[in-house]
Every structure is written in structure tokens, then in C-alpha cells.
PDB file of N, CA and C in Angstrom:
ATOM      1  N   MET A   1     135.987  82.024 100.884  1.00  0.00           N
ATOM      2  CA  MET A   1     136.171  82.229 101.776  1.00  0.00           C
ATOM      3  C   MET A   1     135.284  82.415 102.395  1.00  0.00           C
ATOM      4  N   ASN A   2     134.672  82.294 103.783  1.00  0.00           N
ATOM      5  CA  ASN A   2     133.538  82.624 104.817  1.00  0.00           C
ATOM      6  C   ASN A   2     133.586  82.909 106.128  1.00  0.00           C
ATOM      7  N   ALA A   3     133.944  84.462 105.913  1.00  0.00           N
ATOM      8  CA  ALA A   3     134.923  84.580 107.258  1.00  0.00           C
ATOM      9  C   ALA A   3     134.431  85.398 108.308  1.00  0.00           C
ATOM     10  N   SER A   4     133.617  84.506 108.579  1.00  0.00           N
ATOM     11  CA  SER A   4     132.217  84.630 109.722  1.00  0.00           C
ATOM     12  C   SER A   4     132.898  83.283 110.200  1.00  0.00           C
ATOM     13  N   PRO A   5     133.197  82.949 112.576  1.00  0.00           N
ATOM     14  CA  PRO A   5     133.273  81.902 112.470  1.00  0.00           C
ATOM     15  C   PRO A   5     132.737  80.798 113.157  1.00  0.00           C
ATOM     16  N   LYS A   6     133.095  80.145 112.996  1.00  0.00           N
ATOM     17  CA  LYS A   6     131.739  78.584 113.014  1.00  0.00           C
ATOM     18  C   LYS A   6     131.846  78.461 114.752  1.00  0.00           C
ATOM     19  N   ASN A   7     132.667  79.098 115.649  1.00  0.00           N
ATOM     20  CA  ASN A   7     133.024  78.661 117.305  1.00  0.00           C
ATOM     21  C   ASN A   7     133.200  79.938 117.627  1.00  0.00           C
ATOM     22  N   LYS A   8     132.075  80.359 117.761  1.00  0.00           N
ATOM     23  CA  LYS A   8     131.650  82.520 118.445  1.00  0.00           C
ATOM     24  C   LYS A   8     132.068  82.249 120.043  1.00  0.00           C
ATOM     25  N   ILE A   9     132.171  81.324 120.591  1.00  0.00           N
ATOM     26  CA  ILE A   9     132.667  81.912 121.892  1.00  0.00           C
ATOM     27  C   ILE A   9     133.827  82.097 121.442  1.00  0.00           C
ATOM     28  N   LEU A  10     134.907  81.270 120.925  1.00  0.00           N
ATOM     29  CA  LEU A  10     136.888  81.524 120.747  1.00  0.00           C
ATOM     30  C   LEU A  10     136.926  81.892 119.912  1.00  0.00           C
ATOM     31  N   TYR A  11     135.627  83.050 119.070  1.00  0.00           N
ATOM     32  CA  TYR A  11     136.108  84.485 118.282  1.00  0.00           C
ATOM     33  C   TYR A  11     136.004  85.472 119.187  1.00  0.00           C
ATOM     34  N   LYS A  12     135.109  85.307 120.203  1.00  0.00           N
ATOM     35  CA  LYS A  12     134.433  86.721 120.832  1.00  0.00           C
ATOM     36  C   LYS A  12     135.454  86.405 122.437  1.00  0.00           C
ATOM     37  N   LYS A  13     136.302  85.876 122.701  1.00  0.00           N
ATOM     38  CA  LYS A  13     137.506  85.608 122.953  1.00  0.00           C
ATOM     39  C   LYS A  13     138.751  86.230 122.720  1.00  0.00           C
ATOM     40  N   ALA A  14     138.147  85.670 121.414  1.00  0.00           N
ATOM     41  CA  ALA A  14     139.743  86.043 120.891  1.00  0.00           C
ATOM     42  C   ALA A  14     139.924  87.647 120.735  1.00  0.00           C
ATOM     43  N   LEU A  15     138.890  88.418 120.394  1.00  0.00           N
ATOM     44  CA  LEU A  15     138.708  89.802 120.269  1.00  0.00           C
ATOM     45  C   LEU A  15     138.606  90.857 121.599  1.00  0.00           C
ATOM     46  N   GLU A  16     138.015  90.004 122.712  1.00  0.00           N
ATOM     47  CA  GLU A  16     138.223  90.702 124.176  1.00  0.00           C
ATOM     48  C   GLU A  16     139.643  89.916 124.672  1.00  0.00           C
ATOM     49  N   ILE A  17     140.295  89.572 123.993  1.00  0.00           N
ATOM     50  CA  ILE A  17     141.552  89.471 124.255  1.00  0.00           C
ATOM     51  C   ILE A  17     142.728  90.906 123.750  1.00  0.00           C
ATOM     52  N   LEU A  18     142.099  90.905 121.980  1.00  0.00           N
ATOM     53  CA  LEU A  18     142.764  91.778 121.698  1.00  0.00           C
ATOM     54  C   LEU A  18     142.420  93.716 121.983  1.00  0.00           C
ATOM     55  N   ILE A  19     140.893  93.768 123.098  1.00  0.00           N
ATOM     56  CA  ILE A  19     140.233  94.492 122.960  1.00  0.00           C
ATOM     57  C   ILE A  19     141.629  94.885 124.576  1.00  0.00           C
ATOM     58  N   LEU A  20     141.011  94.357 125.035  1.00  0.00           N
ATOM     59  CA  LEU A  20     142.303  93.946 126.340  1.00  0.00           C
ATOM     60  C   LEU A  20     143.511  94.081 125.944  1.00  0.00           C
ATOM     61  N   SER A  21     144.506  93.726 125.264  1.00  0.00           N
ATOM     62  CA  SER A  21     145.961  93.787 125.070  1.00  0.00           C
ATOM     63  C   SER A  21     146.154  95.830 124.302  1.00  0.00           C
ATOM     64  N   LYS A  22     146.031  95.686 123.806  1.00  0.00           N
ATOM     65  CA  LYS A  22     145.294  97.367 123.163  1.00  0.00           C
ATOM     66  C   LYS A  22     144.926  98.441 124.047  1.00  0.00           C
ATOM     67  N   SER A  23     144.619  98.069 125.068  1.00  0.00           N
ATOM     68  CA  SER A  23     145.051  98.865 126.002  1.00  0.00           C
ATOM     69  C   SER A  23     145.490  99.089 126.983  1.00  0.00           C
ATOM     70  N   VAL A  24     145.882  97.890 127.299  1.00  0.00           N
ATOM     71  CA  VAL A  24     147.517  97.311 128.708  1.00  0.00           C
ATOM     72  C   VAL A  24     148.325  97.722 128.359  1.00  0.00           C
ATOM     73  N   SER A  25     149.198  97.829 126.114  1.00  0.00           N
ATOM     74  CA  SER A  25     149.448  98.309 125.519  1.00  0.00           C
ATOM     75  C   SER A  25     149.991  99.376 125.714  1.00  0.00           C
ATOM     76  N   LYS A  26     148.799 100.447 126.153  1.00  0.00           N
ATOM     77  CA  LYS A  26     148.253 101.514 126.105  1.00  0.00           C
ATOM     78  C   LYS A  26     148.725 102.570 127.345  1.00  0.00           C
ATOM     79  N   TYR A  27     148.698 101.664 127.896  1.00  0.00           N
ATOM     80  CA  TYR A  27     148.393 101.696 129.215  1.00  0.00           C
ATOM     81  C   TYR A  27     149.878 101.184 129.880  1.00  0.00           C
ATOM     82  N   LEU A  28     150.929 100.743 129.332  1.00  0.00           N
ATOM     83  CA  LEU A  28     152.591  99.815 130.128  1.00  0.00           C
ATOM     84  C   LEU A  28     153.749 100.893 128.936  1.00  0.00           C
ATOM     85  N   VAL A  29     153.148 101.183 128.244  1.00  0.00           N
ATOM     86  CA  VAL A  29     154.059 102.051 126.912  1.00  0.00           C
ATOM     87  C   VAL A  29     154.641 103.287 127.575  1.00  0.00           C
ATOM     88  N   HIS A  30     153.561 104.684 128.534  1.00  0.00           N
ATOM     89  CA  HIS A  30     153.487 105.753 129.471  1.00  0.00           C
ATOM     90  C   HIS A  30     155.074 105.086 130.492  1.00  0.00           C
ATOM     91  N   ASP A  31     155.361 103.688 131.135  1.00  0.00           N
ATOM     92  CA  ASP A  31     155.812 102.913 132.164  1.00  0.00           C
ATOM     93  C   ASP A  31     157.040 103.047 130.329  1.00  0.00           C
ATOM     94  N   PHE A  32     157.580 102.774 129.883  1.00  0.00           N
ATOM     95  CA  PHE A  32     158.300 101.930 129.458  1.00  0.00           C
ATOM     96  C   PHE A  32     159.409 103.444 128.027  1.00  0.00           C
ATOM     97  N   SER A  33     157.862 104.152 128.491  1.00  0.00           N
ATOM     98  CA  SER A  33     159.199 105.186 126.539  1.00  0.00           C
ATOM     99  C   SER A  33     159.986 105.813 127.820  1.00  0.00           C
ATOM    100  N   ALA A  34     159.993 106.309 128.958  1.00  0.00           N
ATOM    101  CA  ALA A  34     161.784 107.080 129.205  1.00  0.00           C
ATOM    102  C   ALA A  34     162.519 105.901 128.829  1.00  0.00           C
ATOM    103  N   LEU A  35     163.901 106.289 129.031  1.00  0.00           N
ATOM    104  CA  LEU A  35     164.810 106.301 129.226  1.00  0.00           C
ATOM    105  C   LEU A  35     165.202 105.874 130.348  1.00  0.00           C
ATOM    106  N   GLU A  36     166.117 104.550 130.986  1.00  0.00           N
ATOM    107  CA  GLU A  36     166.758 104.026 131.821  1.00  0.00           C
ATOM    108  C   GLU A  36     167.559 105.340 132.547  1.00  0.00           C
ATOM    109  N   LYS A  37     167.984 104.914 133.451  1.00  0.00           N
ATOM    110  CA  LYS A  37     169.193 106.256 133.968  1.00  0.00           C
ATOM    111  C   LYS A  37     169.896 105.825 133.421  1.00  0.00           C
ATOM    112  N   ASN A  38     170.793 104.791 132.127  1.00  0.00           N
ATOM    113  CA  ASN A  38     172.546 105.125 131.320  1.00  0.00           C
ATOM    114  C   ASN A  38     172.100 105.259 130.204  1.00  0.00           C
ATOM    115  N   GLY A  39     170.911 105.699 129.726  1.00  0.00           N
ATOM    116  CA  GLY A  39     170.306 106.084 128.191  1.00  0.00           C
ATOM    117  C   GLY A  39     169.960 104.549 127.902  1.00  0.00           C
ATOM    118  N   ASN A  40     169.695 103.486 128.773  1.00  0.00           N
ATOM    119  CA  ASN A  40     169.254 102.804 127.247  1.00  0.00           C
ATOM    120  C   ASN A  40     167.614 103.021 127.404  1.00  0.00           C
ATOM    121  N   GLU A  41     167.304 102.105 126.379  1.00  0.00           N
ATOM    122  CA  GLU A  41     165.404 102.344 126.618  1.00  0.00           C
ATOM    123  C   GLU A  41     164.871 100.365 127.321  1.00  0.00           C
ATOM    124  N   ASN A  42     163.890 100.485 128.275  1.00  0.00           N
ATOM    125  CA  ASN A  42     163.497  99.981 128.440  1.00  0.00           C
ATOM    126  C   ASN A  42     163.446  98.594 128.012  1.00  0.00           C
ATOM    127  N   PRO A  43     163.857  97.733 127.678  1.00  0.00           N
ATOM    128  CA  PRO A  43     163.572  96.651 127.176  1.00  0.00           C
ATOM    129  C   PRO A  43     161.910  96.036 126.837  1.00  0.00           C
ATOM    130  N   PHE A  44     161.183  96.105 128.096  1.00  0.00           N
ATOM    131  CA  PHE A  44     159.875  95.567 128.296  1.00  0.00           C
ATOM    132  C   PHE A  44     158.781  96.708 126.908  1.00  0.00           C
ATOM    133  N   ILE A  45     159.609  97.407 126.728  1.00  0.00           N
ATOM    134  CA  ILE A  45     158.768  97.704 125.324  1.00  0.00           C
ATOM    135  C   ILE A  45     158.540  97.722 124.245  1.00  0.00           C
ATOM    136  N   TYR A  46     159.237  95.976 123.950  1.00  0.00           N
ATOM    137  CA  TYR A  46     158.767  95.577 123.040  1.00  0.00           C
ATOM    138  C   TYR A  46     157.316  94.724 122.937  1.00  0.00           C
ATOM    139  N   PHE A  47     157.369  94.355 124.144  1.00  0.00           N
ATOM    140  CA  PHE A  47     156.962  93.388 124.648  1.00  0.00           C
ATOM    141  C   PHE A  47     155.196  93.778 124.783  1.00  0.00           C
ATOM    142  N   THR A  48     155.111  95.464 124.911  1.00  0.00           N
ATOM    143  CA  THR A  48     153.648  95.666 125.053  1.00  0.00           C
ATOM    144  C   THR A  48     153.777  95.339 123.535  1.00  0.00           C
ATOM    145  N   GLY A  49     154.558  95.949 122.160  1.00  0.00           N
ATOM    146  CA  GLY A  49     153.817  96.386 121.449  1.00  0.00           C
ATOM    147  C   GLY A  49     153.691  94.823 120.669  1.00  0.00           C
ATOM    148  N   ASP A  50     154.008  93.774 121.371  1.00  0.00           N
ATOM    149  CA  ASP A  50     154.143  91.729 120.785  1.00  0.00           C
ATOM    150  C   ASP A  50     153.068  91.421 121.028  1.00  0.00           C
ATOM    151  N   ILE A  51     153.026  91.770 121.978  1.00  0.00           N
ATOM    152  CA  ILE A  51     151.034  91.306 122.725  1.00  0.00           C
ATOM    153  C   ILE A  51     150.497  92.044 122.303  1.00  0.00           C
ATOM    154  N   VAL A  52     150.415  92.983 121.231  1.00  0.00           N
ATOM    155  CA  VAL A  52     149.138  93.598 119.976  1.00  0.00           C
ATOM    156  C   VAL A  52     149.268  93.112 119.567  1.00  0.00           C
ATOM    157  N   LYS A  53     150.119  92.498 119.027  1.00  0.00           N
ATOM    158  CA  LYS A  53     150.909  92.051 117.583  1.00  0.00           C
ATOM    159  C   LYS A  53     150.403  90.564 117.512  1.00  0.00           C
ATOM    160  N   ASP A  54     150.704  90.382 118.678  1.00  0.00           N
ATOM    161  CA  ASP A  54     150.149  88.432 118.949  1.00  0.00           C
ATOM    162  C   ASP A  54     148.230  88.634 119.005  1.00  0.00           C
ATOM    163  N   SER A  55     147.301  88.874 119.433  1.00  0.00           N
ATOM    164  CA  SER A  55     146.570  89.517 119.775  1.00  0.00           C
ATOM    165  C   SER A  55     145.818  89.577 118.217  1.00  0.00           C
ATOM    166  N   ASP A  56     146.289  90.204 117.760  1.00  0.00           N
ATOM    167  CA  ASP A  56     146.025  91.048 116.531  1.00  0.00           C
ATOM    168  C   ASP A  56     145.881  89.640 115.486  1.00  0.00           C
ATOM    169  N   SER A  57     146.601  88.172 115.557  1.00  0.00           N
ATOM    170  CA  SER A  57     146.834  87.444 114.604  1.00  0.00           C
ATOM    171  C   SER A  57     145.274  86.608 115.223  1.00  0.00           C
ATOM    172  N   LEU A  58     145.286  86.040 116.002  1.00  0.00           N
ATOM    173  CA  LEU A  58     144.391  85.392 116.991  1.00  0.00           C
ATOM    174  C   LEU A  58     143.096  85.192 116.038  1.00  0.00           C
ATOM    175  N   VAL A  59     142.493  86.146 115.955  1.00  0.00           N
ATOM    176  CA  VAL A  59     142.093  85.446 115.083  1.00  0.00           C
ATOM    177  C   VAL A  59     141.245  85.184 113.632  1.00  0.00           C
ATOM    178  N   PRO A  60     141.982  86.574 112.823  1.00  0.00           N
ATOM    179  CA  PRO A  60     142.862  85.837 111.637  1.00  0.00           C
ATOM    180  C   PRO A  60     143.029  84.171 111.176  1.00  0.00           C
ATOM    181  N   GLU A  61     143.488  83.476 112.161  1.00  0.00           N
ATOM    182  CA  GLU A  61     143.573  82.336 112.351  1.00  0.00           C
ATOM    183  C   GLU A  61     142.523  81.044 112.581  1.00  0.00           C
ATOM    184  N   ILE A  62     141.812  81.862 113.378  1.00  0.00           N
ATOM    185  CA  ILE A  62     141.016  80.872 113.266  1.00  0.00           C
ATOM    186  C   ILE A  62     139.839  80.577 112.245  1.00  0.00           C
ATOM    187  N   ILE A  63     139.692  82.380 111.827  1.00  0.00           N
ATOM    188  CA  ILE A  63     139.255  82.210 110.447  1.00  0.00           C
ATOM    189  C   ILE A  63     139.386  80.788 109.670  1.00  0.00           C
ATOM    190  N   LYS A  64     140.859  80.854 109.430  1.00  0.00           N
ATOM    191  CA  LYS A  64     141.762  80.645 108.327  1.00  0.00           C
ATOM    192  C   LYS A  64     141.225  78.960 108.787  1.00  0.00           C
ATOM    193  N   ALA A  65     141.525  78.892 109.821  1.00  0.00           N
ATOM    194  CA  ALA A  65     141.760  77.070 110.053  1.00  0.00           C
ATOM    195  C   ALA A  65     140.456  75.908 110.136  1.00  0.00           C
ATOM    196  N   GLU A  66     139.531  77.173 110.540  1.00  0.00           N
ATOM    197  CA  GLU A  66     137.744  77.090 110.454  1.00  0.00           C
ATOM    198  C   GLU A  66     137.817  77.313 108.458  1.00  0.00           C
ATOM    199  N   ASN A  67     138.169  77.855 107.597  1.00  0.00           N
ATOM    200  CA  ASN A  67     138.001  77.944 106.749  1.00  0.00           C
ATOM    201  C   ASN A  67     138.455  76.347 105.000  1.00  0.00           C
ATOM    202  N   GLN A  68     139.434  75.800 106.191  1.00  0.00           N
ATOM    203  CA  GLN A  68     140.264  75.233 104.990  1.00  0.00           C
ATOM    204  C   GLN A  68     139.123  73.618 104.837  1.00  0.00           C
ATOM    205  N   ILE A  69     139.673  73.184 103.386  1.00  0.00           N
ATOM    206  CA  ILE A  69     138.843  71.920 103.564  1.00  0.00           C
ATOM    207  C   ILE A  69     139.481  70.885 104.258  1.00  0.00           C
ATOM    208  N   PHE A  70     140.982  70.702 103.917  1.00  0.00           N
ATOM    209  CA  PHE A  70     141.661  70.097 104.237  1.00  0.00           C
ATOM    210  C   PHE A  70     141.310  69.161 106.194  1.00  0.00           C
ATOM    211  N   GLN A  71     141.501  68.911 106.513  1.00  0.00           N
ATOM    212  CA  GLN A  71     141.656  68.680 107.850  1.00  0.00           C
ATOM    213  C   GLN A  71     143.519  68.790 109.073  1.00  0.00           C
ATOM    214  N   ASN A  72     144.201  68.170 107.670  1.00  0.00           N
ATOM    215  CA  ASN A  72     145.873  68.992 108.055  1.00  0.00           C
ATOM    216  C   ASN A  72     146.061  69.932 107.298  1.00  0.00           C
ATOM    217  N   ASP A  73     145.037  71.583 106.667  1.00  0.00           N
ATOM    218  CA  ASP A  73     145.554  72.549 106.307  1.00  0.00           C
ATOM    219  C   ASP A  73     145.157  72.803 107.768  1.00  0.00           C
ATOM    220  N   ARG A  74     143.874  72.870 107.601  1.00  0.00           N
ATOM    221  CA  ARG A  74     143.485  73.306 110.185  1.00  0.00           C
ATOM    222  C   ARG A  74     143.839  73.254 111.050  1.00  0.00           C
ATOM    223  N   LEU A  75     144.404  71.885 110.884  1.00  0.00           N
ATOM    224  CA  LEU A  75     145.420  71.425 111.911  1.00  0.00           C
ATOM    225  C   LEU A  75     146.688  72.590 111.588  1.00  0.00           C
ATOM    226  N   LYS A  76     147.219  72.911 110.314  1.00  0.00           N
ATOM    227  CA  LYS A  76     148.123  73.068 110.947  1.00  0.00           C
ATOM    228  C   LYS A  76     147.935  74.768 111.056  1.00  0.00           C
ATOM    229  N   HIS A  77     147.083  75.811 110.521  1.00  0.00           N
ATOM    230  CA  HIS A  77     146.163  76.561 111.363  1.00  0.00           C
ATOM    231  C   HIS A  77     145.647  77.451 112.032  1.00  0.00           C
ATOM    232  N   ALA A  78     144.938  75.681 112.985  1.00  0.00           N
ATOM    233  CA  ALA A  78     144.957  75.802 114.160  1.00  0.00           C
ATOM    234  C   ALA A  78     146.738  75.213 114.972  1.00  0.00           C
ATOM    235  N   CYS A  79     147.601  75.223 114.733  1.00  0.00           N
ATOM    236  CA  CYS A  79     149.323  74.778 115.877  1.00  0.00           C
ATOM    237  C   CYS A  79     149.372  75.835 115.143  1.00  0.00           C
ATOM    238  N   LEU A  80     149.578  77.355 114.982  1.00  0.00           N
ATOM    239  CA  LEU A  80     150.056  77.984 113.845  1.00  0.00           C
ATOM    240  C   LEU A  80     149.495  79.446 114.752  1.00  0.00           C
ATOM    241  N   LEU A  81     147.891  79.054 115.626  1.00  0.00           N
ATOM    242  CA  LEU A  81     146.999  79.835 116.526  1.00  0.00           C
ATOM    243  C   LEU A  81     147.403  79.713 117.912  1.00  0.00           C
ATOM    244  N   GLU A  82     147.611  77.364 118.165  1.00  0.00           N
ATOM    245  CA  GLU A  82     148.565  77.479 120.031  1.00  0.00           C
ATOM    246  C   GLU A  82     149.282  77.891 119.843  1.00  0.00           C
ATOM    247  N   ASN A  83     150.714  78.171 119.152  1.00  0.00           N
ATOM    248  CA  ASN A  83     152.182  79.542 119.151  1.00  0.00           C
ATOM    249  C   ASN A  83     151.789  80.767 119.510  1.00  0.00           C
ATOM    250  N   LEU A  84     150.554  81.125 118.684  1.00  0.00           N
ATOM    251  CA  LEU A  84     150.379  82.433 119.084  1.00  0.00           C
ATOM    252  C   LEU A  84     149.964  82.834 120.839  1.00  0.00           C
ATOM    253  N   THR A  85     148.975  82.202 120.634  1.00  0.00           N
ATOM    254  CA  THR A  85     148.520  81.670 121.945  1.00  0.00           C
ATOM    255  C   THR A  85     150.134  82.012 122.882  1.00  0.00           C
ATOM    256  N   ASN A  86     149.994  80.934 122.860  1.00  0.00           N
ATOM    257  CA  ASN A  86     151.679  80.707 124.436  1.00  0.00           C
ATOM    258  C   ASN A  86     152.590  81.456 123.813  1.00  0.00           C
ATOM    259  N   LYS A  87     153.153  82.408 123.315  1.00  0.00           N
ATOM    260  CA  LYS A  87     153.695  83.564 123.242  1.00  0.00           C
ATOM    261  C   LYS A  87     153.213  84.330 123.796  1.00  0.00           C
ATOM    262  N   LEU A  88     151.883  84.476 123.081  1.00  0.00           N
ATOM    263  CA  LEU A  88     151.065  85.981 123.817  1.00  0.00           C
ATOM    264  C   LEU A  88     150.920  85.910 125.436  1.00  0.00           C
ATOM    265  N   TYR A  89     151.065  84.459 125.767  1.00  0.00           N
ATOM    266  CA  TYR A  89     151.081  84.160 127.282  1.00  0.00           C
ATOM    267  C   TYR A  89     152.367  84.350 128.010  1.00  0.00           C
ATOM    268  N   ARG A  90     153.070  84.177 127.145  1.00  0.00           N
ATOM    269  CA  ARG A  90     155.143  84.344 127.736  1.00  0.00           C
ATOM    270  C   ARG A  90     154.632  85.728 127.880  1.00  0.00           C
ATOM    271  N   ASN A  91     154.937  86.175 127.000  1.00  0.00           N
ATOM    272  CA  ASN A  91     154.929  87.573 126.783  1.00  0.00           C
ATOM    273  C   ASN A  91     154.745  88.554 128.113  1.00  0.00           C
ATOM    274  N   CYS A  92     153.161  87.782 128.433  1.00  0.00           N
ATOM    275  CA  CYS A  92     152.251  88.838 129.250  1.00  0.00           C
ATOM    276  C   CYS A  92     153.102  88.341 130.827  1.00  0.00           C
ATOM    277  N   GLU A  93     153.644  86.808 131.097  1.00  0.00           N
ATOM    278  CA  GLU A  93     154.822  86.891 132.367  1.00  0.00           C
ATOM    279  C   GLU A  93     156.453  87.104 132.257  1.00  0.00           C
ATOM    280  N   ARG A  94     156.714  88.153 131.549  1.00  0.00           N
ATOM    281  CA  ARG A  94     157.564  88.948 131.369  1.00  0.00           C
ATOM    282  C   ARG A  94     157.164  89.918 131.370  1.00  0.00           C
ATOM    283  N   LEU A  95     156.126  90.776 131.060  1.00  0.00           N
ATOM    284  CA  LEU A  95     155.665  91.870 131.249  1.00  0.00           C
ATOM    285  C   LEU A  95     154.926  92.047 133.080  1.00  0.00           C
ATOM    286  N   GLU A  96     154.901  90.899 133.614  1.00  0.00           N
ATOM    287  CA  GLU A  96     154.777  90.859 134.888  1.00  0.00           C
ATOM    288  C   GLU A  96     156.122  91.042 135.602  1.00  0.00           C
ATOM    289  N   HIS A  97     156.761  90.553 135.330  1.00  0.00           N
ATOM    290  CA  HIS A  97     158.315  91.105 135.931  1.00  0.00           C
ATOM    291  C   HIS A  97     158.622  92.231 135.235  1.00  0.00           C
ATOM    292  N   SER A  98     157.970  93.036 134.901  1.00  0.00           N
ATOM    293  CA  SER A  98     158.976  95.153 134.805  1.00  0.00           C
ATOM    294  C   SER A  98     158.677  95.385 135.780  1.00  0.00           C
ATOM    295  N   GLU A  99     159.453  96.447 135.661  1.00  0.00           N
ATOM    296  CA  GLU A  99     158.866  97.444 136.676  1.00  0.00           C
ATOM    297  C   GLU A  99     158.323  98.209 136.148  1.00  0.00           C
ATOM    298  N   SER A 100     156.389  98.211 136.438  1.00  0.00           N
ATOM    299  CA  SER A 100     155.273  98.884 135.515  1.00  0.00           C
ATOM    300  C   SER A 100     154.277  99.336 137.321  1.00  0.00           C
ATOM    301  N   ASN A 101     153.381  99.898 136.239  1.00  0.00           N
ATOM    302  CA  ASN A 101     152.431 100.240 137.617  1.00  0.00           C
ATOM    303  C   ASN A 101     150.424  99.464 136.409  1.00  0.00           C
ATOM    304  N   GLY A 102     151.360  98.736 135.811  1.00  0.00           N
ATOM    305  CA  GLY A 102     150.447  98.230 135.491  1.00  0.00           C
ATOM    306  C   GLY A 102     150.478  96.803 135.600  1.00  0.00           C
ATOM    307  N   LYS A 103     151.201  95.830 137.117  1.00  0.00           N
ATOM    308  CA  LYS A 103     151.643  94.247 136.696  1.00  0.00           C
ATOM    309  C   LYS A 103     149.286  94.058 136.204  1.00  0.00           C
ATOM    310  N   ASP A 104     149.284  94.833 137.921  1.00  0.00           N
ATOM    311  CA  ASP A 104     147.622  94.127 138.126  1.00  0.00           C
ATOM    312  C   ASP A 104     146.452  93.560 136.404  1.00  0.00           C
ATOM    313  N   PHE A 105     146.680  94.857 135.157  1.00  0.00           N
ATOM    314  CA  PHE A 105     146.112  95.250 134.355  1.00  0.00           C
ATOM    315  C   PHE A 105     146.791  93.653 133.251  1.00  0.00           C
ATOM    316  N   VAL A 106     148.437  93.299 133.516  1.00  0.00           N
ATOM    317  CA  VAL A 106     149.131  92.349 132.959  1.00  0.00           C
ATOM    318  C   VAL A 106     148.686  91.404 133.154  1.00  0.00           C
ATOM    319  N   LYS A 107     148.536  91.257 134.641  1.00  0.00           N
ATOM    320  CA  LYS A 107     148.302  89.175 135.266  1.00  0.00           C
ATOM    321  C   LYS A 107     146.419  88.929 134.689  1.00  0.00           C
ATOM    322  N   LEU A 108     145.405  90.581 134.403  1.00  0.00           N
ATOM    323  CA  LEU A 108     144.138  90.615 134.332  1.00  0.00           C
ATOM    324  C   LEU A 108     144.002  89.387 132.113  1.00  0.00           C
ATOM    325  N   LEU A 109     145.083  90.087 131.869  1.00  0.00           N
ATOM    326  CA  LEU A 109     145.281  89.851 130.456  1.00  0.00           C
ATOM    327  C   LEU A 109     145.772  88.852 129.747  1.00  0.00           C
ATOM    328  N   ARG A 110     146.722  88.110 131.164  1.00  0.00           N
ATOM    329  CA  ARG A 110     147.427  87.020 131.042  1.00  0.00           C
ATOM    330  C   ARG A 110     146.474  85.684 131.205  1.00  0.00           C
ATOM    331  N   LYS A 111     144.855  86.052 132.652  1.00  0.00           N
ATOM    332  CA  LYS A 111     144.040  85.302 132.840  1.00  0.00           C
ATOM    333  C   LYS A 111     143.167  85.057 131.749  1.00  0.00           C
ATOM    334  N   GLU A 112     142.746  85.745 131.059  1.00  0.00           N
ATOM    335  CA  GLU A 112     141.962  86.273 129.848  1.00  0.00           C
ATOM    336  C   GLU A 112     142.313  84.739 128.428  1.00  0.00           C
ATOM    337  N   VAL A 113     143.816  84.879 128.247  1.00  0.00           N
ATOM    338  CA  VAL A 113     144.372  84.550 127.445  1.00  0.00           C
ATOM    339  C   VAL A 113     144.564  83.000 128.284  1.00  0.00           C
ATOM    340  N   LYS A 114     144.546  82.691 129.589  1.00  0.00           N
ATOM    341  CA  LYS A 114     144.877  80.834 129.608  1.00  0.00           C
ATOM    342  C   LYS A 114     143.330  80.832 129.178  1.00  0.00           C
ATOM    343  N   LYS A 115     142.070  81.345 130.075  1.00  0.00           N
ATOM    344  CA  LYS A 115     140.671  81.090 129.549  1.00  0.00           C
ATOM    345  C   LYS A 115     140.142  80.464 127.511  1.00  0.00           C
ATOM    346  N   PHE A 116     141.314  81.558 127.422  1.00  0.00           N
ATOM    347  CA  PHE A 116     141.461  81.615 125.717  1.00  0.00           C
ATOM    348  C   PHE A 116     141.804  79.606 125.270  1.00  0.00           C
ATOM    349  N   LYS A 117     143.039  79.715 126.002  1.00  0.00           N
ATOM    350  CA  LYS A 117     143.683  78.582 125.928  1.00  0.00           C
ATOM    351  C   LYS A 117     143.155  77.219 126.255  1.00  0.00           C
ATOM    352  N   LYS A 118     141.957  76.734 126.712  1.00  0.00           N
ATOM    353  CA  LYS A 118     140.710  75.951 127.460  1.00  0.00           C
ATOM    354  C   LYS A 118     140.078  76.176 125.936  1.00  0.00           C
ATOM    355  N   LEU A 119     139.832  77.794 125.715  1.00  0.00           N
ATOM    356  CA  LEU A 119     138.623  77.094 124.605  1.00  0.00           C
ATOM    357  C   LEU A 119     138.858  76.571 123.731  1.00  0.00           C
ATOM    358  N   GLN A 120     140.587  76.956 123.053  1.00  0.00           N
ATOM    359  CA  GLN A 120     141.394  76.664 121.759  1.00  0.00           C
ATOM    360  C   GLN A 120     141.377  74.903 122.011  1.00  0.00           C
ATOM    361  N   ARG A 121     141.164  74.187 122.922  1.00  0.00           N
ATOM    362  CA  ARG A 121     141.816  73.053 123.307  1.00  0.00           C
ATOM    363  C   ARG A 121     140.274  72.325 123.184  1.00  0.00           C
ATOM    364  N   ASN A 122     140.017  72.837 123.147  1.00  0.00           N
ATOM    365  CA  ASN A 122     138.384  72.419 122.830  1.00  0.00           C
ATOM    366  C   ASN A 122     137.346  72.756 121.368  1.00  0.00           C
ATOM    367  N   TRP A 123     138.362  73.271 120.847  1.00  0.00           N
ATOM    368  CA  TRP A 123     138.695  74.132 119.435  1.00  0.00           C
ATOM    369  C   TRP A 123     139.188  73.126 118.899  1.00  0.00           C
ATOM    370  N   MET A 124     140.556  72.635 119.186  1.00  0.00           N
ATOM    371  CA  MET A 124     140.908  72.065 118.084  1.00  0.00           C
ATOM    372  C   MET A 124     140.703  70.328 118.484  1.00  0.00           C
ATOM    373  N   MET A 125     139.980  70.319 118.523  1.00  0.00           N
ATOM    374  CA  MET A 125     139.786  68.745 118.974  1.00  0.00           C
ATOM    375  C   MET A 125     137.979  68.412 118.176  1.00  0.00           C
ATOM    376  N   SER A 126     137.571  69.974 118.132  1.00  0.00           N
ATOM    377  CA  SER A 126     136.591  69.798 116.423  1.00  0.00           C
ATOM    378  C   SER A 126     136.905  70.386 115.582  1.00  0.00           C
ATOM    379  N   LEU A 127     138.290  70.415 114.917  1.00  0.00           N
ATOM    380  CA  LEU A 127     138.135  70.615 113.513  1.00  0.00           C
ATOM    381  C   LEU A 127     138.776  69.348 112.709  1.00  0.00           C
TER     382      LEU A 127
END
């Protein structure tokens, strides 16, 4: 199995999203780590972990899809990648509605995910 991707642009954008999501998560976790007035934890703290987990899975799915011999297998991994991207986008939208100082950073991440989705559509046509 070849570990280097064929579509370098998509691969680089996935790496950018990973780095950005880690930075955003690190920034937001301080806002969400304190308990709320009623003693409950902030539910948005879980979305910070989800954006890192999902963005961390983008690169391996790209490589898996490109290294499959059969087209059905390539498309299966491409669909998984599309689901990850959609989930990442939705979690960014949810974090934008939170009471945090980092909303602008989340908007930046969401814009990058949107750019990734456009690249991903073109990439899926070439599989």
C-alpha cells in the first residue's frame, strides 16, 4: 500500500484542516472547561474533540481511497471521507453558536472545510 497521496492539493488541505482544528480545539477548550452555573459541564466541549478526531481521519481516508484496486472500494472510502467532512462542517456550525471567544476561529475552520469540500468533489470524480 502506497502511503503517498496522488492528489497533493487535497492532501495538503486535509493537513491544514488538521492543524487548524487542533489549534481551534486547544483555544476553545479553555472556554468550555469550566462548569456552568448549575454545575453541569458545557456540552460544547465534546465538539472540540470531535473536530480534531474527524479532521485526523481525513488524510488516512484519502490514502485508503486512492490505494484501492477496485472502483467500488475507492468510492466506499470516498463516501466515508465525504461523511467525515460533512460531520466536521456541522460541528463547526454548532461551535459557532456557542458562547465562546473563539467563534471567529471556528468560522475560519469552517471556511477551510468548505474549500476542502469543493476539492473533494473534483477528486471524487477522478477516482
